[in-house]
Amino acid sequence: MGSMSWIHWAIVLVVVILIFGTKKLGNMGGDIGKAVKGFKDGVKGSDEDKPVAPPAPPATPSTIDVDVKEKNKL
C-alpha cells in the first residue's frame, strides 16, 4: 500500500496520454514552460528595473502661521 511502483506510473501515463493526446500534452508543457520563464524574468527583472534613488534629506520640522478670523454670530 505504500508508494506506487514504476508499473503503476506507466499505466497512469498511458491513461493520461489516451485522454489528452500527445499534441495537447505538448502544448500544455510548452505553455507551462513559458509561464515559468515569464515568472522568473519578472522576479529577476523587478530588482534591476528600479532605479536607485538617493537617500532623502532628514525632515525638518516646519510650522504654518495662520491668522484666524472669527465670524460674529448674529
PDB file of N, CA and C in Angstrom:
ATOM      1  N   MET A   1       0.803  -1.191   0.000  1.00  0.00           N
ATOM      2  CA  MET A   1       0.000   0.000   0.000  1.00  0.00           C
ATOM      3  C   MET A   1       0.848   1.257   0.000  1.00  0.00           C
ATOM      4  N   GLY A   2       2.099   1.150   0.106  1.00  0.00           N
ATOM      5  CA  GLY A   2       2.989   2.308   0.179  1.00  0.00           C
ATOM      6  C   GLY A   2       3.048   3.081  -1.115  1.00  0.00           C
ATOM      7  N   SER A   3       4.238   3.313  -1.572  1.00  0.00           N
ATOM      8  CA  SER A   3       4.399   4.101  -2.802  1.00  0.00           C
ATOM      9  C   SER A   3       4.089   3.246  -4.030  1.00  0.00           C
ATOM     10  N   MET A   4       3.826   3.933  -5.119  1.00  0.00           N
ATOM     11  CA  MET A   4       3.479   3.229  -6.352  1.00  0.00           C
ATOM     12  C   MET A   4       4.759   2.805  -7.070  1.00  0.00           C
ATOM     13  N   SER A   5       4.726   1.653  -7.699  1.00  0.00           N
ATOM     14  CA  SER A   5       5.893   1.172  -8.437  1.00  0.00           C
ATOM     15  C   SER A   5       5.919   1.796  -9.821  1.00  0.00           C
ATOM     16  N   TRP A   6       6.953   1.543 -10.588  1.00  0.00           N
ATOM     17  CA  TRP A   6       7.095   2.141 -11.920  1.00  0.00           C
ATOM     18  C   TRP A   6       6.014   1.644 -12.876  1.00  0.00           C
ATOM     19  N   ILE A   7       5.504   0.431 -12.618  1.00  0.00           N
ATOM     20  CA  ILE A   7       4.439  -0.113 -13.469  1.00  0.00           C
ATOM     21  C   ILE A   7       3.156   0.705 -13.294  1.00  0.00           C
ATOM     22  N   HIS A   8       2.858   1.075 -12.068  1.00  0.00           N
ATOM     23  CA  HIS A   8       1.678   1.903 -11.813  1.00  0.00           C
ATOM     24  C   HIS A   8       1.814   3.260 -12.502  1.00  0.00           C
ATOM     25  N   TRP A   9       2.998   3.851 -12.428  1.00  0.00           N
ATOM     26  CA  TRP A   9       3.219   5.152 -13.067  1.00  0.00           C
ATOM     27  C   TRP A   9       3.104   5.038 -14.590  1.00  0.00           C
ATOM     28  N   ALA A  10       3.564   3.934 -15.143  1.00  0.00           N
ATOM     29  CA  ALA A  10       3.455   3.731 -16.592  1.00  0.00           C
ATOM     30  C   ALA A  10       1.991   3.637 -17.013  1.00  0.00           C
ATOM     31  N   ILE A  11       1.184   2.952 -16.228  1.00  0.00           N
ATOM     32  CA  ILE A  11      -0.242   2.839 -16.530  1.00  0.00           C
ATOM     33  C   ILE A  11      -0.920   4.199 -16.441  1.00  0.00           C
ATOM     34  N   VAL A  12      -0.583   4.974 -15.427  1.00  0.00           N
ATOM     35  CA  VAL A  12      -1.142   6.319 -15.287  1.00  0.00           C
ATOM     36  C   VAL A  12      -0.749   7.178 -16.486  1.00  0.00           C
ATOM     37  N   LEU A  13       0.495   7.080 -16.922  1.00  0.00           N
ATOM     38  CA  LEU A  13       0.968   7.848 -18.074  1.00  0.00           C
ATOM     39  C   LEU A  13       0.218   7.471 -19.344  1.00  0.00           C
ATOM     40  N   VAL A  14       0.003   6.188 -19.563  1.00  0.00           N
ATOM     41  CA  VAL A  14      -0.733   5.732 -20.745  1.00  0.00           C
ATOM     42  C   VAL A  14      -2.168   6.247 -20.713  1.00  0.00           C
ATOM     43  N   VAL A  15      -2.805   6.221 -19.557  1.00  0.00           N
ATOM     44  CA  VAL A  15      -4.188   6.711 -19.445  1.00  0.00           C
ATOM     45  C   VAL A  15      -4.243   8.207 -19.713  1.00  0.00           C
ATOM     46  N   VAL A  16      -3.283   8.967 -19.202  1.00  0.00           N
ATOM     47  CA  VAL A  16      -3.255  10.410 -19.431  1.00  0.00           C
ATOM     48  C   VAL A  16      -3.051  10.703 -20.916  1.00  0.00           C
ATOM     49  N   ILE A  17      -2.160   9.965 -21.564  1.00  0.00           N
ATOM     50  CA  ILE A  17      -1.926  10.159 -22.995  1.00  0.00           C
ATOM     51  C   ILE A  17      -3.179   9.812 -23.799  1.00  0.00           C
ATOM     52  N   LEU A  18      -3.883   8.767 -23.413  1.00  0.00           N
ATOM     53  CA  LEU A  18      -5.110   8.406 -24.111  1.00  0.00           C
ATOM     54  C   LEU A  18      -6.196   9.468 -23.940  1.00  0.00           C
ATOM     55  N   ILE A  19      -6.268  10.063 -22.774  1.00  0.00           N
ATOM     56  CA  ILE A  19      -7.304  11.065 -22.514  1.00  0.00           C
ATOM     57  C   ILE A  19      -6.988  12.379 -23.229  1.00  0.00           C
ATOM     58  N   PHE A  20      -5.778  12.881 -23.070  1.00  0.00           N
ATOM     59  CA  PHE A  20      -5.440  14.199 -23.597  1.00  0.00           C
ATOM     60  C   PHE A  20      -4.822  14.170 -24.986  1.00  0.00           C
ATOM     61  N   GLY A  21      -4.117  13.132 -25.332  1.00  0.00           N
ATOM     62  CA  GLY A  21      -3.420  13.077 -26.608  1.00  0.00           C
ATOM     63  C   GLY A  21      -2.049  13.735 -26.508  1.00  0.00           C
ATOM     64  N   THR A  22      -1.144  13.305 -27.379  1.00  0.00           N
ATOM     65  CA  THR A  22       0.234  13.792 -27.282  1.00  0.00           C
ATOM     66  C   THR A  22       0.354  15.251 -27.710  1.00  0.00           C
ATOM     67  N   LYS A  23      -0.440  15.679 -28.682  1.00  0.00           N
ATOM     68  CA  LYS A  23      -0.341  17.060 -29.149  1.00  0.00           C
ATOM     69  C   LYS A  23      -0.760  18.037 -28.053  1.00  0.00           C
ATOM     70  N   LYS A  24      -1.857  17.734 -27.399  1.00  0.00           N
ATOM     71  CA  LYS A  24      -2.343  18.627 -26.347  1.00  0.00           C
ATOM     72  C   LYS A  24      -1.387  18.632 -25.154  1.00  0.00           C
ATOM     73  N   LEU A  25      -0.819  17.488 -24.827  1.00  0.00           N
ATOM     74  CA  LEU A  25       0.145  17.436 -23.730  1.00  0.00           C
ATOM     75  C   LEU A  25       1.388  18.262 -24.065  1.00  0.00           C
ATOM     76  N   GLY A  26       1.835  18.215 -25.314  1.00  0.00           N
ATOM     77  CA  GLY A  26       2.987  19.018 -25.723  1.00  0.00           C
ATOM     78  C   GLY A  26       2.700  20.506 -25.638  1.00  0.00           C
ATOM     79  N   ASN A  27       1.496  20.899 -26.045  1.00  0.00           N
ATOM     80  CA  ASN A  27       1.112  22.308 -25.949  1.00  0.00           C
ATOM     81  C   ASN A  27       1.036  22.765 -24.497  1.00  0.00           C
ATOM     82  N   MET A  28       0.483  21.915 -23.644  1.00  0.00           N
ATOM     83  CA  MET A  28       0.390  22.272 -22.228  1.00  0.00           C
ATOM     84  C   MET A  28       1.783  22.393 -21.613  1.00  0.00           C
ATOM     85  N   GLY A  29       2.686  21.501 -21.981  1.00  0.00           N
ATOM     86  CA  GLY A  29       4.049  21.578 -21.463  1.00  0.00           C
ATOM     87  C   GLY A  29       4.749  22.849 -21.909  1.00  0.00           C
ATOM     88  N   GLY A  30       4.552  23.217 -23.174  1.00  0.00           N
ATOM     89  CA  GLY A  30       5.152  24.456 -23.674  1.00  0.00           C
ATOM     90  C   GLY A  30       4.582  25.682 -22.983  1.00  0.00           C
ATOM     91  N   ASP A  31       3.271  25.677 -22.750  1.00  0.00           N
ATOM     92  CA  ASP A  31       2.637  26.808 -22.074  1.00  0.00           C
ATOM     93  C   ASP A  31       3.128  26.939 -20.635  1.00  0.00           C
ATOM     94  N   ILE A  32       3.276  25.815 -19.958  1.00  0.00           N
ATOM     95  CA  ILE A  32       3.777  25.848 -18.576  1.00  0.00           C
ATOM     96  C   ILE A  32       5.215  26.350 -18.557  1.00  0.00           C
ATOM     97  N   GLY A  33       6.022  25.907 -19.521  1.00  0.00           N
ATOM     98  CA  GLY A  33       7.413  26.375 -19.598  1.00  0.00           C
ATOM     99  C   GLY A  33       7.497  27.872 -19.829  1.00  0.00           C
ATOM    100  N   LYS A  34       6.644  28.410 -20.717  1.00  0.00           N
ATOM    101  CA  LYS A  34       6.631  29.849 -20.962  1.00  0.00           C
ATOM    102  C   LYS A  34       6.198  30.621 -19.720  1.00  0.00           C
ATOM    103  N   ALA A  35       5.230  30.082 -19.003  1.00  0.00           N
ATOM    104  CA  ALA A  35       4.758  30.751 -17.796  1.00  0.00           C
ATOM    105  C   ALA A  35       5.842  30.793 -16.727  1.00  0.00           C
ATOM    106  N   VAL A  36       6.554  29.689 -16.553  1.00  0.00           N
ATOM    107  CA  VAL A  36       7.630  29.642 -15.559  1.00  0.00           C
ATOM    108  C   VAL A  36       8.749  30.606 -15.948  1.00  0.00           C
ATOM    109  N   LYS A  37       9.094  30.644 -17.231  1.00  0.00           N
ATOM    110  CA  LYS A  37      10.149  31.549 -17.701  1.00  0.00           C
ATOM    111  C   LYS A  37       9.731  32.996 -17.500  1.00  0.00           C
ATOM    112  N   GLY A  38       8.493  33.321 -17.815  1.00  0.00           N
ATOM    113  CA  GLY A  38       8.000  34.678 -17.610  1.00  0.00           C
ATOM    114  C   GLY A  38       8.015  35.073 -16.147  1.00  0.00           C
ATOM    115  N   PHE A  39       7.659  34.138 -15.272  1.00  0.00           N
ATOM    116  CA  PHE A  39       7.682  34.409 -13.841  1.00  0.00           C
ATOM    117  C   PHE A  39       9.105  34.669 -13.367  1.00  0.00           C
ATOM    118  N   LYS A  40      10.050  33.846 -13.813  1.00  0.00           N
ATOM    119  CA  LYS A  40      11.454  34.041 -13.417  1.00  0.00           C
ATOM    120  C   LYS A  40      11.980  35.377 -13.911  1.00  0.00           C
ATOM    121  N   ASP A  41      11.664  35.735 -15.160  1.00  0.00           N
ATOM    122  CA  ASP A  41      12.113  37.015 -15.697  1.00  0.00           C
ATOM    123  C   ASP A  41      11.493  38.175 -14.932  1.00  0.00           C
ATOM    124  N   GLY A  42      10.237  38.033 -14.555  1.00  0.00           N
ATOM    125  CA  GLY A  42       9.567  39.084 -13.791  1.00  0.00           C
ATOM    126  C   GLY A  42      10.175  39.278 -12.418  1.00  0.00           C
ATOM    127  N   VAL A  43      10.509  38.181 -11.763  1.00  0.00           N
ATOM    128  CA  VAL A  43      11.106  38.276 -10.433  1.00  0.00           C
ATOM    129  C   VAL A  43      12.515  38.831 -10.534  1.00  0.00           C
ATOM    130  N   LYS A  44      13.270  38.352 -11.511  1.00  0.00           N
ATOM    131  CA  LYS A  44      14.648  38.808 -11.677  1.00  0.00           C
ATOM    132  C   LYS A  44      14.687  40.252 -12.147  1.00  0.00           C
ATOM    133  N   GLY A  45      13.813  40.640 -13.036  1.00  0.00           N
ATOM    134  CA  GLY A  45      13.815  41.972 -13.609  1.00  0.00           C
ATOM    135  C   GLY A  45      13.276  43.036 -12.680  1.00  0.00           C
ATOM    136  N   SER A  46      12.515  42.657 -11.660  1.00  0.00           N
ATOM    137  CA  SER A  46      11.919  43.654 -10.784  1.00  0.00           C
ATOM    138  C   SER A  46      12.979  44.410  -9.999  1.00  0.00           C
ATOM    139  N   ASP A  47      14.062  43.777  -9.627  1.00  0.00           N
ATOM    140  CA  ASP A  47      15.125  44.456  -8.894  1.00  0.00           C
ATOM    141  C   ASP A  47      15.987  45.291  -9.831  1.00  0.00           C
ATOM    142  N   GLU A  48      16.174  44.854 -11.068  1.00  0.00           N
ATOM    143  CA  GLU A  48      17.047  45.556 -11.997  1.00  0.00           C
ATOM    144  C   GLU A  48      16.371  46.768 -12.609  1.00  0.00           C
ATOM    145  N   ASP A  49      15.058  46.757 -12.776  1.00  0.00           N
ATOM    146  CA  ASP A  49      14.350  47.838 -13.443  1.00  0.00           C
ATOM    147  C   ASP A  49      14.204  49.078 -12.568  1.00  0.00           C
ATOM    148  N   LYS A  50      14.229  48.911 -11.269  1.00  0.00           N
ATOM    149  CA  LYS A  50      14.017  50.033 -10.379  1.00  0.00           C
ATOM    150  C   LYS A  50      15.295  50.856 -10.245  1.00  0.00           C
ATOM    151  N   PRO A  51      15.231  52.168 -10.519  1.00  0.00           N
ATOM    152  CA  PRO A  51      16.422  52.990 -10.307  1.00  0.00           C
ATOM    153  C   PRO A  51      16.646  53.208  -8.818  1.00  0.00           C
ATOM    154  N   VAL A  52      17.885  53.358  -8.473  1.00  0.00           N
ATOM    155  CA  VAL A  52      18.228  53.566  -7.071  1.00  0.00           C
ATOM    156  C   VAL A  52      18.171  55.058  -6.805  1.00  0.00           C
ATOM    157  N   ALA A  53      17.310  55.480  -5.902  1.00  0.00           N
ATOM    158  CA  ALA A  53      17.147  56.887  -5.580  1.00  0.00           C
ATOM    159  C   ALA A  53      18.114  57.269  -4.463  1.00  0.00           C
ATOM    160  N   PRO A  54      18.614  58.509  -4.495  1.00  0.00           N
ATOM    161  CA  PRO A  54      19.490  58.934  -3.399  1.00  0.00           C
ATOM    162  C   PRO A  54      18.677  59.037  -2.120  1.00  0.00           C
ATOM    163  N   PRO A  55      19.330  58.904  -0.993  1.00  0.00           N
ATOM    164  CA  PRO A  55      18.579  58.972   0.260  1.00  0.00           C
ATOM    165  C   PRO A  55      17.969  60.361   0.445  1.00  0.00           C
ATOM    166  N   ALA A  56      16.810  60.401   1.026  1.00  0.00           N
ATOM    167  CA  ALA A  56      16.100  61.659   1.243  1.00  0.00           C
ATOM    168  C   ALA A  56      16.767  62.431   2.383  1.00  0.00           C
ATOM    169  N   PRO A  57      16.785  63.756   2.290  1.00  0.00           N
ATOM    170  CA  PRO A  57      17.363  64.534   3.388  1.00  0.00           C
ATOM    171  C   PRO A  57      16.483  64.393   4.623  1.00  0.00           C
ATOM    172  N   PRO A  58      17.083  64.589   5.788  1.00  0.00           N
ATOM    173  CA  PRO A  58      16.270  64.444   7.006  1.00  0.00           C
ATOM    174  C   PRO A  58      15.175  65.501   7.047  1.00  0.00           C
ATOM    175  N   ALA A  59      14.046  65.109   7.567  1.00  0.00           N
ATOM    176  CA  ALA A  59      12.895  66.002   7.618  1.00  0.00           C
ATOM    177  C   ALA A  59      13.120  67.072   8.675  1.00  0.00           C
ATOM    178  N   THR A  60      12.852  68.329   8.313  1.00  0.00           N
ATOM    179  CA  THR A  60      12.972  69.431   9.270  1.00  0.00           C
ATOM    180  C   THR A  60      11.578  69.806   9.727  1.00  0.00           C
ATOM    181  N   PRO A  61      11.420  70.082  10.992  1.00  0.00           N
ATOM    182  CA  PRO A  61      10.090  70.463  11.459  1.00  0.00           C
ATOM    183  C   PRO A  61       9.705  71.822  10.873  1.00  0.00           C
ATOM    184  N   SER A  62       8.492  71.925  10.440  1.00  0.00           N
ATOM    185  CA  SER A  62       8.023  73.186   9.879  1.00  0.00           C
ATOM    186  C   SER A  62       6.709  73.571  10.544  1.00  0.00           C
ATOM    187  N   THR A  63       6.492  74.885  10.603  1.00  0.00           N
ATOM    188  CA  THR A  63       5.251  75.370  11.191  1.00  0.00           C
ATOM    189  C   THR A  63       4.514  76.202  10.164  1.00  0.00           C
ATOM    190  N   ILE A  64       3.226  76.300  10.340  1.00  0.00           N
ATOM    191  CA  ILE A  64       2.401  77.102   9.458  1.00  0.00           C
ATOM    192  C   ILE A  64       1.722  78.158  10.315  1.00  0.00           C
ATOM    193  N   ASP A  65       1.976  79.427   9.979  1.00  0.00           N
ATOM    194  CA  ASP A  65       1.340  80.524  10.699  1.00  0.00           C
ATOM    195  C   ASP A  65       0.053  80.893   9.973  1.00  0.00           C
ATOM    196  N   VAL A  66      -1.037  80.852  10.706  1.00  0.00           N
ATOM    197  CA  VAL A  66      -2.331  81.152  10.121  1.00  0.00           C
ATOM    198  C   VAL A  66      -3.053  82.135  11.027  1.00  0.00           C
ATOM    199  N   ASP A  67      -3.602  83.197  10.439  1.00  0.00           N
ATOM    200  CA  ASP A  67      -4.428  84.115  11.185  1.00  0.00           C
ATOM    201  C   ASP A  67      -5.867  83.629  11.088  1.00  0.00           C
ATOM    202  N   VAL A  68      -6.508  83.488  12.218  1.00  0.00           N
ATOM    203  CA  VAL A  68      -7.871  83.008  12.265  1.00  0.00           C
ATOM    204  C   VAL A  68      -8.791  84.195  12.544  1.00  0.00           C
ATOM    205  N   LYS A  69      -9.766  84.368  11.696  1.00  0.00           N
ATOM    206  CA  LYS A  69     -10.745  85.434  11.893  1.00  0.00           C
ATOM    207  C   LYS A  69     -12.076  84.764  12.273  1.00  0.00           C
ATOM    208  N   GLU A  70     -12.643  85.244  13.336  1.00  0.00           N
ATOM    209  CA  GLU A  70     -13.903  84.683  13.786  1.00  0.00           C
ATOM    210  C   GLU A  70     -15.061  85.476  13.210  1.00  0.00           C
ATOM    211  N   LYS A  71     -16.110  84.768  12.873  1.00  0.00           N
ATOM    212  CA  LYS A  71     -17.325  85.416  12.424  1.00  0.00           C
ATOM    213  C   LYS A  71     -18.223  85.659  13.645  1.00  0.00           C
ATOM    214  N   ASN A  72     -18.740  86.815  13.695  1.00  0.00           N
ATOM    215  CA  ASN A  72     -19.683  87.114  14.786  1.00  0.00           C
ATOM    216  C   ASN A  72     -21.038  86.559  14.404  1.00  0.00           C
ATOM    217  N   LYS A  73     -21.583  85.802  15.287  1.00  0.00           N
ATOM    218  CA  LYS A  73     -22.919  85.267  15.035  1.00  0.00           C
ATOM    219  C   LYS A  73     -23.944  86.291  15.423  1.00  0.00           C
ATOM    220  N   LEU A  74     -24.920  86.506  14.610  1.00  0.00           N
ATOM    221  CA  LEU A  74     -25.958  87.473  14.885  1.00  0.00           C
ATOM    222  C   LEU A  74     -27.091  86.904  15.619  1.00  0.00           C
TER     223      LEU A  74
END
